[in-house]
C-alpha atoms as a PDB file:
ATOM      1  CA  MET A   1       0.433  -0.144   0.252  1.00  0.00           C
ATOM      2  CA  ILE A   2       1.050   3.726  -0.231  1.00  0.00           C
ATOM      3  CA  PHE A   3       0.809   5.474   2.936  1.00  0.00           C
ATOM      4  CA  ASP A   4       0.120   9.689   2.770  1.00  0.00           C
ATOM      5  CA  ILE A   5       2.167  10.645   5.664  1.00  0.00           C
ATOM      6  CA  THR A   6       1.761  14.375   4.345  1.00  0.00           C
ATOM      7  CA  ASN A   7      -0.977  15.416   5.358  1.00  0.00           C
ATOM      8  CA  PHE A   8      -3.849  14.597   8.518  1.00  0.00           C
ATOM      9  CA  LYS A   9      -6.510  13.022   6.141  1.00  0.00           C
ATOM     10  CA  GLY A  10      -3.687  11.160   4.823  1.00  0.00           C
ATOM     11  CA  ILE A  11      -2.216   9.921   7.331  1.00  0.00           C
ATOM     12  CA  VAL A  12      -5.418   9.293   9.136  1.00  0.00           C
ATOM     13  CA  GLU A  13      -6.832   6.963   5.983  1.00  0.00           C
ATOM     14  CA  SER A  14      -3.657   5.964   6.258  1.00  0.00           C
ATOM     15  CA  LEU A  15      -3.379   4.137   9.072  1.00  0.00           C
ATOM     16  CA  SER A  16      -6.626   3.386   8.934  1.00  0.00           C
ATOM     17  CA  THR A  17      -6.397   1.406   6.079  1.00  0.00           C
ATOM     18  CA  TYR A  18      -2.754   0.039   7.315  1.00  0.00           C
ATOM     19  CA  LEU A  19      -3.493  -1.070  10.842  1.00  0.00           C
ATOM     20  CA  ASP A  20      -7.874  -1.757   9.697  1.00  0.00           C
ATOM     21  CA  ILE A  21      -8.292   0.236  12.707  1.00  0.00           C
ATOM     22  CA  ASP A  22     -11.884   2.670  12.049  1.00  0.00           C
ATOM     23  CA  GLY A  23     -10.015   6.007  11.137  1.00  0.00           C
ATOM     24  CA  ARG A  24     -12.436   8.146  13.487  1.00  0.00           C
ATOM     25  CA  ASP A  25     -10.975   5.851  16.638  1.00  0.00           C
ATOM     26  CA  ILE A  26      -7.477   7.071  16.404  1.00  0.00           C
ATOM     27  CA  VAL A  27      -7.971  10.526  16.732  1.00  0.00           C
ATOM     28  CA  TYR A  28     -10.072   9.660  20.035  1.00  0.00           C
ATOM     29  CA  TYR A  29      -7.124   7.832  20.779  1.00  0.00           C
ATOM     30  CA  VAL A  30      -5.126  10.253  20.181  1.00  0.00           C
ATOM     31  CA  GLU A  31      -7.111  13.558  21.609  1.00  0.00           C
ATOM     32  CA  ASN A  32      -7.608  11.408  24.879  1.00  0.00           C
ATOM     33  CA  MET A  33      -4.111  11.992  25.699  1.00  0.00           C
ATOM     34  CA  ARG A  34      -4.471  15.251  25.559  1.00  0.00           C
ATOM     35  CA  GLY A  35      -0.842  15.984  24.103  1.00  0.00           C
ATOM     36  CA  ASP A  36       0.788  13.552  26.143  1.00  0.00           C
ATOM     37  CA  GLU A  37       3.871  11.878  24.095  1.00  0.00           C
ATOM     38  CA  ILE A  38       1.934   8.630  22.031  1.00  0.00           C
ATOM     39  CA  GLU A  39       3.741   5.874  23.312  1.00  0.00           C
ATOM     40  CA  VAL A  40       3.784   3.679  19.679  1.00  0.00           C
ATOM     41  CA  ASN A  41       3.618   0.058  21.801  1.00  0.00           C
ATOM     42  CA  ASP A  42       0.727   1.442  23.839  1.00  0.00           C
ATOM     43  CA  PHE A  43      -0.987   2.331  20.825  1.00  0.00           C
ATOM     44  CA  LEU A  44      -0.255  -0.941  19.240  1.00  0.00           C
ATOM     45  CA  ASP A  45      -0.983  -3.112  22.383  1.00  0.00           C
ATOM     46  CA  TYR A  46      -4.623  -0.877  23.045  1.00  0.00           C
ATOM     47  CA  PHE A  47      -5.861  -2.069  19.515  1.00  0.00           C
ATOM     48  CA  ASN A  48      -4.524  -5.647  20.392  1.00  0.00           C
ATOM     49  CA  ILE A  49      -2.359  -5.230  17.070  1.00  0.00           C
ATOM     50  CA  ASP A  50       0.517  -8.090  17.056  1.00  0.00           C
ATOM     51  CA  HIS A  51       3.675  -5.925  16.102  1.00  0.00           C
ATOM     52  CA  ARG A  52       4.772  -8.828  13.596  1.00  0.00           C
ATOM     53  CA  LYS A  53       2.013  -8.065  11.935  1.00  0.00           C
ATOM     54  CA  LEU A  54       2.901  -4.622  10.519  1.00  0.00           C
ATOM     55  CA  LEU A  55       5.449  -6.471   8.509  1.00  0.00           C
ATOM     56  CA  GLU A  56       2.912  -8.496   6.305  1.00  0.00           C
ATOM     57  CA  GLU A  57       2.005  -5.283   4.482  1.00  0.00           C
ATOM     58  CA  ASN A  58       4.357  -4.619   1.758  1.00  0.00           C
ATOM     59  CA  LEU A  59       4.650  -0.382   2.457  1.00  0.00           C
ATOM     60  CA  SER A  60       5.276   2.358   0.236  1.00  0.00           C
ATOM     61  CA  ILE A  61       5.860   5.794   1.321  1.00  0.00           C
ATOM     62  CA  THR A  62       4.658   9.491   0.235  1.00  0.00           C
ATOM     63  CA  SER A  63       7.242  12.803   0.216  1.00  0.00           C
ATOM     64  CA  LEU A  64       7.296  16.455  -0.795  1.00  0.00           C
ATOM     65  CA  HIS A  65      10.236  17.600  -2.350  1.00  0.00           C
ATOM     66  CA  LEU A  66      11.022  21.602  -3.101  1.00  0.00           C
ATOM     67  CA  THR A  67      12.731  22.787  -6.167  1.00  0.00           C
ATOM     68  CA  THR A  68      13.113  25.374  -8.360  1.00  0.00           C
ATOM     69  CA  ASN A  69      12.846  25.466 -12.332  1.00  0.00           C
ATOM     70  CA  ASN A  70      11.189  27.883 -15.513  1.00  0.00           C
ATOM     71  CA  ASP A  71       9.681  24.704 -17.430  1.00  0.00           C
ATOM     72  CA  GLY A  72       6.815  24.162 -14.832  1.00  0.00           C
ATOM     73  CA  CYS A  73       8.562  20.913 -14.335  1.00  0.00           C
ATOM     74  CA  GLU A  74       8.335  18.848 -17.554  1.00  0.00           C
ATOM     75  CA  ASN A  75      11.386  17.715 -17.823  1.00  0.00           C
ATOM     76  CA  ILE A  76      11.040  16.053 -14.117  1.00  0.00           C
ATOM     77  CA  LYS A  77       7.215  14.820 -15.616  1.00  0.00           C
ATOM     78  CA  LYS A  78       9.697  13.137 -18.044  1.00  0.00           C
ATOM     79  CA  HIS A  79      12.595  12.220 -16.606  1.00  0.00           C
ATOM     80  CA  GLY A  80      12.001  11.747 -12.316  1.00  0.00           C
ATOM     81  CA  ILE A  81      13.445  13.631  -9.863  1.00  0.00           C
ATOM     82  CA  LEU A  82      17.363  12.879 -10.076  1.00  0.00           C
ATOM     83  CA  ASN A  83      19.295  13.548  -7.672  1.00  0.00           C
ATOM     84  CA  LEU A  84      22.289  16.123  -7.994  1.00  0.00           C
ATOM     85  CA  GLN A  85      24.965  14.064  -9.170  1.00  0.00           C
ATOM     86  CA  ASP A  86      22.877  12.663 -11.990  1.00  0.00           C
ATOM     87  CA  ALA A  87      21.559  16.186 -12.151  1.00  0.00           C
ATOM     88  CA  LEU A  88      24.970  17.660 -12.891  1.00  0.00           C
ATOM     89  CA  SER A  89      25.865  15.359 -15.568  1.00  0.00           C
ATOM     90  CA  GLN A  90      22.994  15.301 -17.629  1.00  0.00           C
ATOM     91  CA  GLY A  91      20.864  16.764 -19.651  1.00  0.00           C
ATOM     92  CA  THR A  92      19.347  18.823 -17.410  1.00  0.00           C
ATOM     93  CA  GLN A  93      18.580  22.502 -17.112  1.00  0.00           C
ATOM     94  CA  LEU A  94      20.551  23.047 -13.873  1.00  0.00           C
ATOM     95  CA  SER A  95      23.930  21.867 -16.062  1.00  0.00           C
ATOM     96  CA  SER A  96      22.975  23.850 -19.251  1.00  0.00           C
ATOM     97  CA  TYR A  97      22.544  26.682 -16.893  1.00  0.00           C
ATOM     98  CA  LEU A  98      25.997  26.380 -15.433  1.00  0.00           C
ATOM     99  CA  LEU A  99      27.652  25.902 -18.980  1.00  0.00           C
ATOM    100  CA  SER A 100      26.469  29.628 -19.506  1.00  0.00           C
ATOM    101  CA  PHE A 101      28.817  31.091 -16.989  1.00  0.00           C
ATOM    102  CA  GLY A 102      31.515  28.623 -18.194  1.00  0.00           C
ATOM    103  CA  VAL A 103      30.963  25.836 -16.147  1.00  0.00           C
ATOM    104  CA  ARG A 104      30.483  22.293 -15.847  1.00  0.00           C
ATOM    105  CA  VAL A 105      31.430  19.738 -12.895  1.00  0.00           C
ATOM    106  CA  ASP A 106      33.027  16.325 -14.022  1.00  0.00           C
ATOM    107  CA  VAL A 107      31.114  14.259 -10.920  1.00  0.00           C
ATOM    108  CA  LYS A 108      33.253  11.471 -11.183  1.00  0.00           C
ATOM    109  CA  GLU A 109      36.410  12.810 -11.793  1.00  0.00           C
ATOM    110  CA  LYS A 110      36.098  15.222  -9.099  1.00  0.00           C
ATOM    111  CA  GLN A 111      36.582  18.228 -11.428  1.00  0.00           C
ATOM    112  CA  VAL A 112      35.180  21.885 -11.826  1.00  0.00           C
ATOM    113  CA  PHE A 113      36.234  23.650 -14.451  1.00  0.00           C
ATOM    114  CA  ILE A 114      35.541  26.835 -15.131  1.00  0.00           C
ATOM    115  CA  ASN A 115      36.689  27.519 -19.278  1.00  0.00           C
ATOM    116  CA  GLU A 116      40.497  26.917 -19.174  1.00  0.00           C
ATOM    117  CA  LYS A 117      40.921  26.616 -15.824  1.00  0.00           C
ATOM    118  CA  ILE A 118      40.589  23.121 -13.388  1.00  0.00           C
ATOM    119  CA  ILE A 119      39.635  22.991  -9.833  1.00  0.00           C
ATOM    120  CA  ASP A 120      40.273  20.320  -8.044  1.00  0.00           C
ATOM    121  CA  ILE A 121      37.217  18.721  -5.777  1.00  0.00           C
ATOM    122  CA  SER A 122      38.986  15.332  -4.711  1.00  0.00           C
ATOM    123  CA  LYS A 123      39.789  16.597  -1.145  1.00  0.00           C
ATOM    124  CA  GLU A 124      38.518  14.788   1.243  1.00  0.00           C
ATOM    125  CA  TYR A 125      35.334  16.443   3.309  1.00  0.00           C
ATOM    126  CA  ASP A 126      36.411  17.133   7.137  1.00  0.00           C
ATOM    127  CA  GLY A 127      34.099  19.629   7.897  1.00  0.00           C
ATOM    128  CA  ILE A 128      34.228  23.930   6.505  1.00  0.00           C
ATOM    129  CA  GLU A 129      36.734  26.031   7.638  1.00  0.00           C
ATOM    130  CA  VAL A 130      35.373  29.526   7.744  1.00  0.00           C
ATOM    131  CA  HIS A 131      38.855  31.196   9.149  1.00  0.00           C
ATOM    132  CA  LYS A 132      40.101  30.350   5.279  1.00  0.00           C
ATOM    133  CA  GLY A 133      38.066  32.691   3.471  1.00  0.00           C
ATOM    134  CA  ILE A 134      34.836  32.726   0.883  1.00  0.00           C
ATOM    135  CA  ARG A 135      36.732  30.493  -1.899  1.00  0.00           C
ATOM    136  CA  ARG A 136      37.935  27.620   0.917  1.00  0.00           C
ATOM    137  CA  VAL A 137      34.174  27.557   2.233  1.00  0.00           C
ATOM    138  CA  GLY A 138      32.978  27.380  -1.464  1.00  0.00           C
ATOM    139  CA  LEU A 139      35.033  24.310  -1.693  1.00  0.00           C
ATOM    140  CA  ASP A 140      34.220  22.417   1.437  1.00  0.00           C
ATOM    141  CA  ARG A 141      30.408  23.490   0.779  1.00  0.00           C
ATOM    142  CA  THR A 142      30.600  21.965  -2.580  1.00  0.00           C
ATOM    143  CA  ILE A 143      32.609  18.721  -1.502  1.00  0.00           C
ATOM    144  CA  TYR A 144      30.484  18.071   0.825  1.00  0.00           C
ATOM    145  CA  LYS A 145      27.137  18.624  -1.182  1.00  0.00           C
ATOM    146  CA  LEU A 146      28.365  16.684  -4.150  1.00  0.00           C
ATOM    147  CA  TYR A 147      29.586  14.275  -2.159  1.00  0.00           C
ATOM    148  CA  ASN A 148      28.306  13.986   0.959  1.00  0.00           C
ATOM    149  CA  ASP A 149      24.714  15.632   0.405  1.00  0.00           C
ATOM    150  CA  TYR A 150      23.158  14.607  -3.641  1.00  0.00           C
ATOM    151  CA  GLN A 151      20.074  12.410  -2.432  1.00  0.00           C
ATOM    152  CA  ILE A 152      17.292  13.353  -2.579  1.00  0.00           C
ATOM    153  CA  ASN A 153      15.981  15.362   0.198  1.00  0.00           C
ATOM    154  CA  GLY A 154      12.461  16.048   1.226  1.00  0.00           C
ATOM    155  CA  PHE A 155       9.870  16.027   3.842  1.00  0.00           C
ATOM    156  CA  PHE A 156       7.401  12.987   4.659  1.00  0.00           C
ATOM    157  CA  TYR A 157       5.671  16.351   6.479  1.00  0.00           C
ATOM    158  CA  THR A 158       6.200  19.976   7.256  1.00  0.00           C
ATOM    159  CA  ASP A 159       4.406  23.530   7.825  1.00  0.00           C
ATOM    160  CA  ASN A 160       5.210  25.037   5.006  1.00  0.00           C
ATOM    161  CA  ILE A 161       7.789  23.449   3.128  1.00  0.00           C
ATOM    162  CA  LEU A 162       7.993  26.820   1.175  1.00  0.00           C
ATOM    163  CA  ASN A 163       9.567  28.916   4.390  1.00  0.00           C
ATOM    164  CA  TYR A 164      12.132  25.954   4.787  1.00  0.00           C
ATOM    165  CA  GLY A 165      15.757  27.386   4.864  1.00  0.00           C
ATOM    166  CA  GLY A 166      18.066  28.048   2.885  1.00  0.00           C
ATOM    167  CA  TYR A 167      15.908  30.080  -0.307  1.00  0.00           C
ATOM    168  CA  VAL A 168      15.673  26.083  -2.250  1.00  0.00           C
ATOM    169  CA  ASN A 169      12.657  27.866  -3.058  1.00  0.00           C
ATOM    170  CA  ARG A 170      14.489  30.483  -4.794  1.00  0.00           C
ATOM    171  CA  ARG A 171      17.030  28.397  -6.523  1.00  0.00           C
ATOM    172  CA  PRO A 172      19.594  24.623  -6.162  1.00  0.00           C
ATOM    173  CA  GLU A 173      21.869  24.743  -2.937  1.00  0.00           C
ATOM    174  CA  ILE A 174      24.949  23.855  -5.099  1.00  0.00           C
ATOM    175  CA  LEU A 175      24.219  26.999  -6.884  1.00  0.00           C
ATOM    176  CA  SER A 176      25.475  29.192  -3.390  1.00  0.00           C
ATOM    177  CA  GLU A 177      28.671  26.811  -3.005  1.00  0.00           C
ATOM    178  CA  LEU A 178      29.775  26.936  -6.507  1.00  0.00           C
ATOM    179  CA  ALA A 179      29.142  30.960  -6.892  1.00  0.00           C
ATOM    180  CA  LYS A 180      31.570  31.150  -3.207  1.00  0.00           C
ATOM    181  CA  LEU A 181      34.077  28.490  -4.652  1.00  0.00           C
ATOM    182  CA  LEU A 182      34.170  30.726  -8.209  1.00  0.00           C
ATOM    183  CA  LYS A 183      33.979  34.308  -6.211  1.00  0.00           C
ATOM    184  CA  ASN A 184      30.921  34.772  -8.523  1.00  0.00           C
ATOM    185  CA  ARG A 185      27.630  35.694  -7.314  1.00  0.00           C
ATOM    186  CA  ASP A 186      26.377  36.343 -10.671  1.00  0.00           C
ATOM    187  CA  ILE A 187      25.736  32.174 -10.689  1.00  0.00           C
ATOM    188  CA  GLU A 188      23.314  32.217  -7.928  1.00  0.00           C
ATOM    189  CA  ASP A 189      21.836  35.578  -8.447  1.00  0.00           C
ATOM    190  CA  LYS A 190      20.741  35.393 -12.154  1.00  0.00           C
ATOM    191  CA  TRP A 191      19.017  32.013 -11.450  1.00  0.00           C
ATOM    192  CA  ILE A 192      17.093  33.487  -7.963  1.00  0.00           C
ATOM    193  CA  PHE A 193      16.215  36.810 -10.483  1.00  0.00           C
ATOM    194  CA  ASP A 194      15.261  35.064 -13.621  1.00  0.00           C
ATOM    195  CA  LYS A 195      11.129  35.073 -13.377  1.00  0.00           C
ATOM    196  CA  ASP A 196      10.722  32.293 -15.600  1.00  0.00           C
ATOM    197  CA  ASN A 197      12.025  30.341 -12.649  1.00  0.00           C
ATOM    198  CA  LYS A 198       9.552  29.226 -10.185  1.00  0.00           C
ATOM    199  CA  PRO A 199       9.162  27.094  -7.181  1.00  0.00           C
ATOM    200  CA  TYR A 200       7.516  23.873  -6.671  1.00  0.00           C
ATOM    201  CA  VAL A 201       6.335  21.238  -4.982  1.00  0.00           C
ATOM    202  CA  ILE A 202       6.446  17.739  -6.031  1.00  0.00           C
ATOM    203  CA  LYS A 203       4.477  15.214  -4.113  1.00  0.00           C
ATOM    204  CA  PHE A 204       6.054  11.577  -4.828  1.00  0.00           C
ATOM    205  CA  TYR A 205       5.933   7.387  -3.507  1.00  0.00           C
ATOM    206  CA  THR A 206       8.571   5.118  -3.163  1.00  0.00           C
ATOM    207  CA  PRO A 207       8.620   1.875  -1.289  1.00  0.00           C
ATOM    208  CA  LEU A 208      10.187   2.335   2.445  1.00  0.00           C
ATOM    209  CA  TYR A 209      13.443   0.478   1.693  1.00  0.00           C
ATOM    210  CA  ASN A 210      14.629   3.467  -0.727  1.00  0.00           C
ATOM    211  CA  PHE A 211      15.010   5.567   2.497  1.00  0.00           C
ATOM    212  CA  GLU A 212      18.131   5.984   4.211  1.00  0.00           C
ATOM    213  CA  ASN A 213      18.372   3.785   6.882  1.00  0.00           C
ATOM    214  CA  TYR A 214      19.321   6.893   9.332  1.00  0.00           C
ATOM    215  CA  THR A 215      16.035   8.352   8.082  1.00  0.00           C
ATOM    216  CA  PHE A 216      14.138   5.843  10.559  1.00  0.00           C
ATOM    217  CA  ASN A 217      17.130   6.561  13.089  1.00  0.00           C
ATOM    218  CA  CYS A 218      17.758   3.121  12.666  1.00  0.00           C
ATOM    219  CA  ASP A 219      20.638   1.155  14.954  1.00  0.00           C
ATOM    220  CA  GLU A 220      22.080  -0.446  11.683  1.00  0.00           C
ATOM    221  CA  ASN A 221      23.584  -3.510  13.616  1.00  0.00           C
ATOM    222  CA  LEU A 222      19.511  -4.973  13.875  1.00  0.00           C
ATOM    223  CA  ASP A 223      18.882  -7.908  11.233  1.00  0.00           C
ATOM    224  CA  THR A 224      16.625  -7.383   8.238  1.00  0.00           C
ATOM    225  CA  ASP A 225      13.052  -7.740   9.902  1.00  0.00           C
ATOM    226  CA  GLU A 226      13.981  -5.956  13.115  1.00  0.00           C
ATOM    227  CA  MET A 227      15.343  -3.300  10.980  1.00  0.00           C
ATOM    228  CA  GLU A 228      11.593  -3.021   9.289  1.00  0.00           C
ATOM    229  CA  LEU A 229      10.040  -3.654  12.177  1.00  0.00           C
ATOM    230  CA  VAL A 230      11.444  -0.505  13.514  1.00  0.00           C
ATOM    231  CA  LYS A 231      10.878   1.757  10.578  1.00  0.00           C
ATOM    232  CA  ARG A 232       7.270   1.036  10.562  1.00  0.00           C
ATOM    233  CA  LYS A 233       6.312   1.654  14.068  1.00  0.00           C
ATOM    234  CA  TRP A 234       8.574   4.771  13.307  1.00  0.00           C
ATOM    235  CA  VAL A 235       5.967   5.879  10.807  1.00  0.00           C
ATOM    236  CA  ILE A 236       3.104   5.399  12.675  1.00  0.00           C
ATOM    237  CA  HIS A 237       4.555   6.644  15.398  1.00  0.00           C
ATOM    238  CA  LYS A 238       5.960   9.533  13.171  1.00  0.00           C
ATOM    239  CA  SER A 239       2.072  10.247  11.701  1.00  0.00           C
ATOM    240  CA  LEU A 240       0.948   9.982  15.425  1.00  0.00           C
ATOM    241  CA  ARG A 241       3.081  12.870  16.493  1.00  0.00           C
ATOM    242  CA  TYR A 242       1.413  14.769  13.466  1.00  0.00           C
ATOM    243  CA  ILE A 243      -2.543  13.471  14.549  1.00  0.00           C
ATOM    244  CA  ASN A 244      -1.505  15.159  17.897  1.00  0.00           C
ATOM    245  CA  GLY A 245      -0.546  18.191  16.329  1.00  0.00           C
ATOM    246  CA  VAL A 246      -3.310  18.998  14.612  1.00  0.00           C
ATOM    247  CA  VAL A 247      -5.509  17.692  17.456  1.00  0.00           C
ATOM    248  CA  THR A 248      -4.188  20.074  19.152  1.00  0.00           C
ATOM    249  CA  GLY A 249      -3.948  22.468  17.245  1.00  0.00           C
ATOM    250  CA  GLY A 250      -0.139  23.158  17.540  1.00  0.00           C
ATOM    251  CA  SER A 251       2.673  22.972  15.129  1.00  0.00           C
ATOM    252  CA  ILE A 252       3.397  19.780  13.236  1.00  0.00           C
ATOM    253  CA  GLY A 253       7.200  20.302  13.248  1.00  0.00           C
ATOM    254  CA  GLU A 254       8.836  19.032  10.230  1.00  0.00           C
ATOM    255  CA  CYS A 255       9.839  15.263   8.834  1.00  0.00           C
ATOM    256  CA  PHE A 256      12.816  14.834   7.050  1.00  0.00           C
ATOM    257  CA  SER A 257      12.868  12.351   4.243  1.00  0.00           C
ATOM    258  CA  TYR A 258      16.275  11.275   2.309  1.00  0.00           C
ATOM    259  CA  VAL A 259      15.510   8.668  -0.478  1.00  0.00           C
ATOM    260  CA  LYS A 260      19.167   7.029  -1.015  1.00  0.00           C
ATOM    261  CA  SER A 261      21.951   8.784  -2.782  1.00  0.00           C
ATOM    262  CA  LYS A 262      22.583   6.706  -5.805  1.00  0.00           C
ATOM    263  CA  LEU A 263      18.415   6.723  -6.490  1.00  0.00           C
ATOM    264  CA  ARG A 264      15.904   8.768  -8.423  1.00  0.00           C
ATOM    265  CA  ILE A 265      12.065   8.385  -8.329  1.00  0.00           C
ATOM    266  CA  PRO A 266      10.613   7.558 -11.918  1.00  0.00           C
ATOM    267  CA  PRO A 267       8.296   9.439 -13.652  1.00  0.00           C
ATOM    268  CA  ALA A 268       5.451   6.862 -12.287  1.00  0.00           C
ATOM    269  CA  ASN A 269       6.447   6.706  -8.872  1.00  0.00           C
ATOM    270  CA  ILE A 270       5.843  11.034  -8.892  1.00  0.00           C
ATOM    271  CA  ILE A 271       1.501  11.747  -7.563  1.00  0.00           C
ATOM    272  CA  LYS A 272       1.473  15.827  -8.487  1.00  0.00           C
ATOM    273  CA  VAL A 273       3.204  18.747  -8.886  1.00  0.00           C
ATOM    274  CA  TYR A 274       1.417  21.764  -7.306  1.00  0.00           C
ATOM    275  CA  ASN A 275       2.699  25.359  -8.035  1.00  0.00           C
ATOM    276  CA  GLU A 276       2.905  27.707  -4.822  1.00  0.00           C
ATOM    277  CA  ASP A 277      -0.401  28.429  -4.826  1.00  0.00           C
ATOM    278  CA  GLU A 278      -1.494  24.923  -5.090  1.00  0.00           C
ATOM    279  CA  TYR A 279       0.622  23.976  -2.255  1.00  0.00           C
ATOM    280  CA  ILE A 280      -0.904  26.621   0.295  1.00  0.00           C
ATOM    281  CA  ASN A 281      -4.672  25.727  -0.918  1.00  0.00           C
ATOM    282  CA  GLU A 282      -3.867  22.056   0.297  1.00  0.00           C
ATOM    283  CA  TYR A 283      -1.250  21.932   2.617  1.00  0.00           C
ATOM    284  CA  VAL A 284      -1.116  25.353   4.237  1.00  0.00           C
ATOM    285  CA  THR A 285      -4.503  27.184   4.438  1.00  0.00           C
END
């Protein structure tokens, strides 16, 4: 089944289907907790659900991904959501945009080409050395983004994805790092101030096993079934916390998702593409 964890309605319906419990009973249970922290094991025991039964269903889960582009996500609809390394290595808007500045990133060889100059980015990432100047900061951040943080990031849920820090609703993060590395603010600013570039929120789904284990705070030493059970209880726990935030009138907070590094999300797994207004109407107002 596809478990929709991105909004209240989806969560209640998904929990109801997954656990075979009336959605009204789930909400009533959470309301009776009166804002107290909800323990998943207590919740399952209350409804007489065998914990091992959680493993019987093949589980995919939804997530929201924020991006900006100038084609209404047509390229994404055709080719899917790419991780950063693939986006820089293929004929995407991002790679073409960088070429307009004479910039090309060779991910495999760990080099950045700027016209006739080659910048080595093979240094092992060991932190951001701010005291060595803006170019060194750019080098460290570029290396980190390209080789440590290039996976498809998103939110299982959040109060408003458009308000997330780092201006990711205005330009790809890598442009900020390359602008520092190459000491050329135009590399970042031209994308930001191009009125054709607009933010979009993409709702997609993928099997639970396609997310990095650290998404679910898993102990890597667990065996396969134990690991899977931890992940599924984590999904239930986060779902109950979301419901709790809604019924108590508080914030639902942020719940991040990290797709495994080398993967992409195929077009068939894209549920919907929202422009800014569509997203706000469905998820914020």
